[in-house]
Amino acid sequence: MYKVRIEDSFAAAHFLRDYHGKCENLHGHNYKVRVYLKGENLSEGGMLYDFSELKKDLKGVLNTIDHTNLNDLTENGKSVFEQNPSAERIAKYIFDSLARNNKKLAELLYRVDVFETDNNRATYEI
């Protein structure tokens, strides 16, 4: 089994409506995101997936949330994060967005990590 991982980052604000503590106030993070792929077959060029293409795919998703208030993000008139953009929900959003945009990537994608800080991480994995 071959595995690859890339990393990128974005900055955004959010608040958690159903949380009782300081995170219910508007605040921001410099998020770090890691995307993981795995598969058994390599391309003719000897790659599981081209790193430059994977970085471009991830950047396309991150550009939709970079420098935003995540609580304001909607699709089809509905809150993307159900009014609570936790790191867990952000990880799933990135995972689903990557998979929805590219069938080959969807077949290889198995995990997304979102770090709110260097010490705090949420993972969405299949």
N, C-alpha and C. Protein backbone atom coordinates (compact mmCIF):
# COMPACT_ATOMS: atom_id res chain seq x y z
N MET A 1 0.84 -1.18 0.00
CA MET A 1 0.00 0.00 0.00
C MET A 1 0.89 1.24 0.00
N TYR A 2 0.60 2.15 -0.91
CA TYR A 2 1.32 3.42 -0.98
C TYR A 2 0.48 4.50 -0.29
N LYS A 3 1.15 5.42 0.38
CA LYS A 3 0.46 6.53 1.03
C LYS A 3 1.21 7.82 0.75
N VAL A 4 0.43 8.90 0.57
CA VAL A 4 1.01 10.23 0.41
C VAL A 4 0.24 11.19 1.30
N ARG A 5 0.91 12.28 1.66
CA ARG A 5 0.28 13.30 2.49
C ARG A 5 0.76 14.67 2.05
N ILE A 6 -0.14 15.62 2.00
CA ILE A 6 0.24 17.01 1.77
C ILE A 6 -0.30 17.86 2.91
N GLU A 7 0.22 19.07 3.00
CA GLU A 7 -0.18 19.98 4.06
C GLU A 7 -0.33 21.39 3.49
N ASP A 8 -1.33 22.10 3.97
CA ASP A 8 -1.53 23.49 3.61
C ASP A 8 -2.19 24.17 4.80
N SER A 9 -2.51 25.44 4.65
CA SER A 9 -3.10 26.16 5.77
C SER A 9 -4.08 27.20 5.27
N PHE A 10 -4.91 27.69 6.19
CA PHE A 10 -5.82 28.79 5.91
C PHE A 10 -6.13 29.48 7.24
N ALA A 11 -6.60 30.69 7.15
CA ALA A 11 -6.99 31.45 8.33
C ALA A 11 -8.49 31.74 8.24
N ALA A 12 -9.18 31.61 9.36
CA ALA A 12 -10.62 31.87 9.38
C ALA A 12 -11.08 32.16 10.80
N ALA A 13 -12.22 32.80 10.88
CA ALA A 13 -12.87 33.06 12.16
C ALA A 13 -14.06 32.13 12.32
N HIS A 14 -14.46 31.93 13.57
CA HIS A 14 -15.66 31.16 13.85
C HIS A 14 -16.06 31.36 15.30
N PHE A 15 -17.23 30.88 15.62
CA PHE A 15 -17.68 30.77 17.01
C PHE A 15 -18.59 29.56 17.10
N LEU A 16 -18.69 28.99 18.28
CA LEU A 16 -19.48 27.79 18.48
C LEU A 16 -20.73 28.15 19.28
N ARG A 17 -21.89 28.03 18.65
CA ARG A 17 -23.15 28.44 19.28
C ARG A 17 -23.53 27.56 20.46
N ASP A 18 -23.31 26.29 20.38
CA ASP A 18 -23.77 25.37 21.42
C ASP A 18 -22.64 24.95 22.34
N TYR A 19 -21.75 25.86 22.60
CA TYR A 19 -20.59 25.61 23.45
C TYR A 19 -20.61 26.65 24.55
N HIS A 20 -20.33 26.24 25.76
CA HIS A 20 -20.33 27.19 26.89
C HIS A 20 -18.91 27.38 27.36
N GLY A 21 -18.32 28.46 26.93
CA GLY A 21 -16.94 28.79 27.24
C GLY A 21 -16.47 29.86 26.29
N LYS A 22 -15.18 30.13 26.31
CA LYS A 22 -14.67 31.24 25.52
C LYS A 22 -14.83 31.03 24.01
N CYS A 23 -14.96 29.80 23.53
CA CYS A 23 -15.10 29.56 22.09
C CYS A 23 -16.48 29.89 21.55
N GLU A 24 -17.41 30.28 22.43
CA GLU A 24 -18.69 30.74 21.92
C GLU A 24 -18.60 32.18 21.43
N ASN A 25 -17.48 32.83 21.70
CA ASN A 25 -17.22 34.18 21.19
C ASN A 25 -16.48 34.08 19.85
N LEU A 26 -16.71 35.06 19.00
CA LEU A 26 -16.02 35.10 17.72
C LEU A 26 -14.51 35.18 17.94
N HIS A 27 -13.78 34.28 17.28
CA HIS A 27 -12.32 34.25 17.37
C HIS A 27 -11.78 33.59 16.11
N GLY A 28 -10.47 33.63 15.93
CA GLY A 28 -9.89 33.08 14.71
C GLY A 28 -8.78 32.10 14.98
N HIS A 29 -8.45 31.36 13.94
CA HIS A 29 -7.36 30.38 13.99
C HIS A 29 -6.59 30.45 12.69
N ASN A 30 -5.34 30.09 12.77
CA ASN A 30 -4.53 29.78 11.59
C ASN A 30 -4.50 28.27 11.51
N TYR A 31 -5.42 27.73 10.74
CA TYR A 31 -5.60 26.28 10.64
C TYR A 31 -4.52 25.66 9.76
N LYS A 32 -4.10 24.46 10.14
CA LYS A 32 -3.22 23.65 9.31
C LYS A 32 -4.04 22.43 8.88
N VAL A 33 -3.93 22.06 7.62
CA VAL A 33 -4.71 20.95 7.07
C VAL A 33 -3.76 19.93 6.45
N ARG A 34 -3.97 18.67 6.78
CA ARG A 34 -3.24 17.57 6.15
C ARG A 34 -4.23 16.66 5.44
N VAL A 35 -3.88 16.29 4.23
CA VAL A 35 -4.72 15.41 3.41
C VAL A 35 -3.91 14.15 3.11
N TYR A 36 -4.55 13.00 3.29
CA TYR A 36 -3.89 11.71 3.13
C TYR A 36 -4.58 10.89 2.05
N LEU A 37 -3.76 10.28 1.20
CA LEU A 37 -4.25 9.37 0.17
C LEU A 37 -3.55 8.03 0.34
N LYS A 38 -4.22 6.97 -0.10
CA LYS A 38 -3.57 5.66 -0.13
C LYS A 38 -4.13 4.85 -1.28
N GLY A 39 -3.29 3.98 -1.80
CA GLY A 39 -3.70 3.13 -2.90
C GLY A 39 -2.64 2.10 -3.22
N GLU A 40 -3.01 1.13 -4.01
CA GLU A 40 -2.10 0.03 -4.32
C GLU A 40 -1.43 0.17 -5.67
N ASN A 41 -1.92 1.08 -6.50
CA ASN A 41 -1.39 1.18 -7.86
C ASN A 41 -0.78 2.54 -8.12
N LEU A 42 0.37 2.52 -8.79
CA LEU A 42 1.04 3.75 -9.17
C LEU A 42 0.80 4.04 -10.64
N SER A 43 0.90 5.30 -11.01
CA SER A 43 0.77 5.69 -12.41
C SER A 43 2.01 5.23 -13.17
N GLU A 44 2.00 5.41 -14.49
CA GLU A 44 3.18 5.07 -15.29
C GLU A 44 4.39 5.86 -14.85
N GLY A 45 4.16 7.05 -14.30
CA GLY A 45 5.25 7.88 -13.81
C GLY A 45 5.72 7.51 -12.42
N GLY A 46 5.13 6.46 -11.84
CA GLY A 46 5.55 5.98 -10.53
C GLY A 46 4.95 6.73 -9.35
N MET A 47 3.81 7.41 -9.58
CA MET A 47 3.19 8.19 -8.51
C MET A 47 1.79 7.65 -8.19
N LEU A 48 1.44 7.72 -6.93
CA LEU A 48 0.08 7.42 -6.53
C LEU A 48 -0.85 8.53 -7.02
N TYR A 49 -0.43 9.78 -6.80
CA TYR A 49 -1.18 10.95 -7.24
C TYR A 49 -0.18 12.10 -7.30
N ASP A 50 -0.24 12.88 -8.31
CA ASP A 50 0.71 13.97 -8.50
C ASP A 50 0.58 14.99 -7.37
N PHE A 51 1.68 15.24 -6.64
CA PHE A 51 1.65 16.19 -5.53
C PHE A 51 1.16 17.57 -5.97
N SER A 52 1.61 18.03 -7.12
CA SER A 52 1.19 19.37 -7.55
C SER A 52 -0.31 19.43 -7.82
N GLU A 53 -0.88 18.36 -8.35
CA GLU A 53 -2.33 18.31 -8.57
C GLU A 53 -3.08 18.24 -7.25
N LEU A 54 -2.56 17.47 -6.31
CA LEU A 54 -3.19 17.35 -5.01
C LEU A 54 -3.17 18.69 -4.28
N LYS A 55 -2.05 19.40 -4.35
CA LYS A 55 -1.95 20.72 -3.71
C LYS A 55 -2.95 21.68 -4.36
N LYS A 56 -3.09 21.60 -5.67
CA LYS A 56 -4.04 22.46 -6.38
C LYS A 56 -5.48 22.13 -5.98
N ASP A 57 -5.78 20.85 -5.86
CA ASP A 57 -7.12 20.42 -5.44
C ASP A 57 -7.44 20.97 -4.04
N LEU A 58 -6.49 20.81 -3.13
CA LEU A 58 -6.71 21.28 -1.76
C LEU A 58 -6.82 22.80 -1.73
N LYS A 59 -5.96 23.50 -2.44
CA LYS A 59 -6.00 24.96 -2.46
C LYS A 59 -7.36 25.45 -2.97
N GLY A 60 -7.93 24.76 -3.93
CA GLY A 60 -9.25 25.14 -4.44
C GLY A 60 -10.32 25.08 -3.36
N VAL A 61 -10.25 24.09 -2.50
CA VAL A 61 -11.20 23.97 -1.40
C VAL A 61 -10.90 25.03 -0.33
N LEU A 62 -9.65 25.15 0.05
CA LEU A 62 -9.29 26.10 1.11
C LEU A 62 -9.60 27.54 0.72
N ASN A 63 -9.50 27.86 -0.57
CA ASN A 63 -9.82 29.22 -1.01
C ASN A 63 -11.27 29.60 -0.72
N THR A 64 -12.15 28.61 -0.61
CA THR A 64 -13.56 28.90 -0.33
C THR A 64 -13.79 29.26 1.13
N ILE A 65 -12.84 28.93 2.02
CA ILE A 65 -13.03 29.21 3.45
C ILE A 65 -11.96 30.11 4.04
N ASP A 66 -10.91 30.38 3.28
CA ASP A 66 -9.82 31.22 3.79
C ASP A 66 -10.30 32.65 4.03
N HIS A 67 -9.93 33.20 5.17
CA HIS A 67 -10.27 34.57 5.56
C HIS A 67 -11.77 34.83 5.52
N THR A 68 -12.53 33.89 6.05
CA THR A 68 -13.98 34.04 6.18
C THR A 68 -14.38 33.84 7.63
N ASN A 69 -15.63 34.17 7.91
CA ASN A 69 -16.26 33.74 9.16
C ASN A 69 -16.97 32.44 8.79
N LEU A 70 -16.50 31.33 9.27
CA LEU A 70 -17.03 30.03 8.89
C LEU A 70 -18.51 29.89 9.22
N ASN A 71 -18.98 30.61 10.23
CA ASN A 71 -20.40 30.55 10.58
C ASN A 71 -21.28 31.09 9.46
N ASP A 72 -20.71 31.93 8.60
CA ASP A 72 -21.49 32.54 7.52
C ASP A 72 -21.53 31.70 6.24
N LEU A 73 -20.78 30.61 6.19
CA LEU A 73 -20.70 29.81 4.97
C LEU A 73 -21.99 29.02 4.76
N THR A 74 -22.59 29.22 3.59
CA THR A 74 -23.84 28.52 3.26
C THR A 74 -23.72 27.86 1.89
N GLU A 75 -24.49 26.82 1.71
CA GLU A 75 -24.67 26.17 0.40
C GLU A 75 -26.16 25.91 0.25
N ASN A 76 -26.71 26.34 -0.86
CA ASN A 76 -28.14 26.19 -1.11
C ASN A 76 -28.98 26.78 0.02
N GLY A 77 -28.52 27.89 0.59
CA GLY A 77 -29.27 28.57 1.63
C GLY A 77 -29.19 27.94 3.01
N LYS A 78 -28.36 26.92 3.17
CA LYS A 78 -28.26 26.21 4.45
C LYS A 78 -26.85 26.35 5.00
N SER A 79 -26.74 26.51 6.32
CA SER A 79 -25.44 26.61 6.97
C SER A 79 -24.63 25.34 6.74
N VAL A 80 -23.43 25.49 6.21
CA VAL A 80 -22.58 24.34 5.92
C VAL A 80 -22.19 23.59 7.19
N PHE A 81 -21.94 24.33 8.25
CA PHE A 81 -21.45 23.72 9.49
C PHE A 81 -22.52 23.65 10.58
N GLU A 82 -23.78 23.75 10.19
CA GLU A 82 -24.89 23.68 11.14
C GLU A 82 -24.69 24.66 12.29
N GLN A 83 -24.20 25.85 11.96
CA GLN A 83 -23.95 26.94 12.90
C GLN A 83 -22.85 26.67 13.91
N ASN A 84 -22.18 25.54 13.81
CA ASN A 84 -21.09 25.19 14.72
C ASN A 84 -19.91 24.64 13.94
N PRO A 85 -19.06 25.53 13.39
CA PRO A 85 -17.92 25.08 12.60
C PRO A 85 -16.76 24.59 13.47
N SER A 86 -16.96 23.43 14.04
CA SER A 86 -15.91 22.79 14.85
C SER A 86 -14.82 22.26 13.93
N ALA A 87 -13.67 21.97 14.49
CA ALA A 87 -12.59 21.39 13.70
C ALA A 87 -13.02 20.07 13.06
N GLU A 88 -13.85 19.31 13.76
CA GLU A 88 -14.34 18.04 13.22
C GLU A 88 -15.17 18.27 11.96
N ARG A 89 -16.07 19.25 12.02
CA ARG A 89 -16.91 19.54 10.86
C ARG A 89 -16.12 20.16 9.72
N ILE A 90 -15.11 20.94 10.05
CA ILE A 90 -14.26 21.51 9.00
C ILE A 90 -13.51 20.40 8.29
N ALA A 91 -12.99 19.42 9.03
CA ALA A 91 -12.28 18.28 8.42
C ALA A 91 -13.20 17.52 7.46
N LYS A 92 -14.43 17.27 7.88
CA LYS A 92 -15.38 16.56 7.01
C LYS A 92 -15.73 17.40 5.78
N TYR A 93 -15.90 18.70 5.96
CA TYR A 93 -16.20 19.59 4.83
C TYR A 93 -15.08 19.52 3.79
N ILE A 94 -13.84 19.59 4.24
CA ILE A 94 -12.70 19.53 3.31
C ILE A 94 -12.65 18.17 2.62
N PHE A 95 -12.83 17.10 3.39
CA PHE A 95 -12.84 15.75 2.84
C PHE A 95 -13.91 15.63 1.76
N ASP A 96 -15.14 15.98 2.11
CA ASP A 96 -16.26 15.85 1.17
C ASP A 96 -16.07 16.72 -0.07
N SER A 97 -15.54 17.93 0.12
CA SER A 97 -15.33 18.83 -1.02
C SER A 97 -14.28 18.26 -1.98
N LEU A 98 -13.20 17.73 -1.44
CA LEU A 98 -12.18 17.12 -2.28
C LEU A 98 -12.75 15.93 -3.05
N ALA A 99 -13.48 15.08 -2.35
CA ALA A 99 -14.04 13.87 -2.98
C ALA A 99 -15.08 14.22 -4.04
N ARG A 100 -15.87 15.24 -3.78
CA ARG A 100 -16.94 15.64 -4.72
C ARG A 100 -16.36 16.23 -6.00
N ASN A 101 -15.23 16.88 -5.90
CA ASN A 101 -14.67 17.60 -7.04
C ASN A 101 -13.82 16.73 -7.97
N ASN A 102 -13.44 15.52 -7.55
CA ASN A 102 -12.50 14.74 -8.34
C ASN A 102 -12.67 13.25 -8.04
N LYS A 103 -13.16 12.50 -9.03
CA LYS A 103 -13.45 11.07 -8.82
C LYS A 103 -12.20 10.26 -8.48
N LYS A 104 -11.10 10.50 -9.19
CA LYS A 104 -9.87 9.74 -8.91
C LYS A 104 -9.38 10.03 -7.50
N LEU A 105 -9.43 11.29 -7.12
CA LEU A 105 -9.03 11.67 -5.77
C LEU A 105 -9.94 11.01 -4.74
N ALA A 106 -11.22 10.97 -5.02
CA ALA A 106 -12.18 10.35 -4.09
C ALA A 106 -11.85 8.89 -3.82
N GLU A 107 -11.32 8.20 -4.82
CA GLU A 107 -10.98 6.78 -4.65
C GLU A 107 -9.77 6.57 -3.74
N LEU A 108 -8.89 7.57 -3.65
CA LEU A 108 -7.65 7.45 -2.89
C LEU A 108 -7.70 8.14 -1.53
N LEU A 109 -8.57 9.11 -1.39
CA LEU A 109 -8.65 9.91 -0.17
C LEU A 109 -9.17 9.07 0.99
N TYR A 110 -8.48 9.13 2.13
CA TYR A 110 -8.97 8.40 3.28
C TYR A 110 -8.94 9.18 4.59
N ARG A 111 -8.28 10.34 4.61
CA ARG A 111 -8.17 11.05 5.89
C ARG A 111 -7.86 12.53 5.65
N VAL A 112 -8.46 13.37 6.50
CA VAL A 112 -8.13 14.79 6.56
C VAL A 112 -7.97 15.17 8.02
N ASP A 113 -6.86 15.82 8.34
CA ASP A 113 -6.62 16.37 9.67
C ASP A 113 -6.75 17.88 9.60
N VAL A 114 -7.38 18.46 10.60
CA VAL A 114 -7.45 19.91 10.74
C VAL A 114 -6.91 20.27 12.12
N PHE A 115 -5.86 21.07 12.13
CA PHE A 115 -5.25 21.53 13.37
C PHE A 115 -5.74 22.96 13.64
N GLU A 116 -6.37 23.18 14.79
CA GLU A 116 -6.70 24.55 15.22
C GLU A 116 -5.47 25.21 15.82
N THR A 117 -4.66 24.42 16.47
CA THR A 117 -3.39 24.88 17.03
C THR A 117 -2.38 23.76 16.78
N ASP A 118 -1.14 23.99 17.14
CA ASP A 118 -0.13 22.93 17.00
C ASP A 118 -0.47 21.69 17.83
N ASN A 119 -1.23 21.88 18.89
CA ASN A 119 -1.53 20.79 19.83
C ASN A 119 -2.93 20.21 19.71
N ASN A 120 -3.81 20.84 18.95
CA ASN A 120 -5.21 20.42 18.89
C ASN A 120 -5.62 20.10 17.46
N ARG A 121 -6.02 18.84 17.27
CA ARG A 121 -6.31 18.36 15.92
C ARG A 121 -7.60 17.56 15.93
N ALA A 122 -8.36 17.68 14.83
CA ALA A 122 -9.52 16.83 14.58
C ALA A 122 -9.28 16.11 13.27
N THR A 123 -9.77 14.88 13.18
CA THR A 123 -9.57 14.05 12.00
C THR A 123 -10.91 13.54 11.49
N TYR A 124 -11.08 13.55 10.17
CA TYR A 124 -12.16 12.83 9.53
C TYR A 124 -11.51 11.76 8.66
N GLU A 125 -11.91 10.52 8.88
CA GLU A 125 -11.25 9.39 8.21
C GLU A 125 -12.29 8.33 7.85
N ILE A 126 -12.07 7.70 6.69
CA ILE A 126 -12.94 6.57 6.31
C ILE A 126 -12.11 5.31 6.29
